[in-house]
Amino acid sequence: MSDNTPAIVTGSGRGIGKQTAILLSKIGLNLVGCSRTQGNFVLGAGWY
């Protein structure tokens, strides 16, 4: 997708939410993610 489509992923620090965020970023979406604990949340392109 090249139209800068945004995606909001809750629970993106681990599990299904994290894997969903990784997949969406790989296909080119701009992400906003959140997690209850900062330790589980990884920022930036280091996800994949």
C-alpha atoms as a PDB file:
ATOM      1  CA  MET A   1       0.000   0.000   0.000  1.00  0.00           C
ATOM      2  CA  SER A   2       1.490   3.286  -0.988  1.00  0.00           C
ATOM      3  CA  ASP A   3      -1.207   5.688   0.206  1.00  0.00           C
ATOM      4  CA  ASN A   4       0.192   6.002   3.773  1.00  0.00           C
ATOM      5  CA  THR A   5      -2.726   4.068   5.252  1.00  0.00           C
ATOM      6  CA  PRO A   6      -2.607   4.161   9.069  1.00  0.00           C
ATOM      7  CA  ALA A   7      -3.268   1.198  11.352  1.00  0.00           C
ATOM      8  CA  ILE A   8      -3.870   1.179  15.114  1.00  0.00           C
ATOM      9  CA  VAL A   9      -2.861  -2.050  16.846  1.00  0.00           C
ATOM     10  CA  THR A  10      -3.699  -2.449  20.523  1.00  0.00           C
ATOM     11  CA  GLY A  11      -1.809  -5.036  22.515  1.00  0.00           C
ATOM     12  CA  SER A  12       1.124  -4.782  20.122  1.00  0.00           C
ATOM     13  CA  GLY A  13       3.721  -5.617  22.759  1.00  0.00           C
ATOM     14  CA  ARG A  14       3.392  -9.389  22.509  1.00  0.00           C
ATOM     15  CA  GLY A  15       1.452 -12.290  21.076  1.00  0.00           C
ATOM     16  CA  ILE A  16      -1.084 -11.867  18.297  1.00  0.00           C
ATOM     17  CA  GLY A  17      -1.006  -8.073  18.546  1.00  0.00           C
ATOM     18  CA  LYS A  18       2.757  -7.975  18.034  1.00  0.00           C
ATOM     19  CA  GLN A  19       2.629 -10.359  15.091  1.00  0.00           C
ATOM     20  CA  THR A  20      -0.209  -8.335  13.550  1.00  0.00           C
ATOM     21  CA  ALA A  21       1.813  -5.129  13.878  1.00  0.00           C
ATOM     22  CA  ILE A  22       4.841  -6.771  12.280  1.00  0.00           C
ATOM     23  CA  LEU A  23       2.763  -8.051   9.360  1.00  0.00           C
ATOM     24  CA  LEU A  24       1.077  -4.702   8.776  1.00  0.00           C
ATOM     25  CA  SER A  25       4.407  -2.874   8.850  1.00  0.00           C
ATOM     26  CA  LYS A  26       5.875  -5.328   6.350  1.00  0.00           C
ATOM     27  CA  ILE A  27       3.118  -4.562   3.864  1.00  0.00           C
ATOM     28  CA  GLY A  28       3.749  -0.846   4.249  1.00  0.00           C
ATOM     29  CA  LEU A  29       1.149   0.540   6.635  1.00  0.00           C
ATOM     30  CA  ASN A  30       1.987   3.326   9.097  1.00  0.00           C
ATOM     31  CA  LEU A  31       1.500   1.990  12.624  1.00  0.00           C
ATOM     32  CA  VAL A  32       0.363   3.279  15.971  1.00  0.00           C
ATOM     33  CA  GLY A  33       0.763   0.631  18.642  1.00  0.00           C
ATOM     34  CA  CYS A  34       0.227   0.374  22.374  1.00  0.00           C
ATOM     35  CA  SER A  35       1.047  -2.048  25.137  1.00  0.00           C
ATOM     36  CA  ARG A  36       0.238  -2.168  28.848  1.00  0.00           C
ATOM     37  CA  THR A  37       3.908  -2.657  29.724  1.00  0.00           C
ATOM     38  CA  GLN A  38       6.766  -0.673  28.211  1.00  0.00           C
ATOM     39  CA  GLY A  39       9.151  -3.635  28.510  1.00  0.00           C
ATOM     40  CA  ASN A  40       7.185  -5.609  25.907  1.00  0.00           C
ATOM     41  CA  PHE A  41       6.963  -2.770  23.421  1.00  0.00           C
ATOM     42  CA  VAL A  42       9.667  -2.571  20.772  1.00  0.00           C
ATOM     43  CA  LEU A  43       9.952   0.658  18.786  1.00  0.00           C
ATOM     44  CA  GLY A  44      11.028   1.218  15.230  1.00  0.00           C
ATOM     45  CA  ALA A  45      12.116  -0.965  12.366  1.00  0.00           C
ATOM     46  CA  GLY A  46      13.783  -3.510  14.653  1.00  0.00           C
ATOM     47  CA  TRP A  47      10.611  -5.599  14.629  1.00  0.00           C
ATOM     48  CA  TYR A  48      11.482  -7.524  11.508  1.00  0.00           C
END
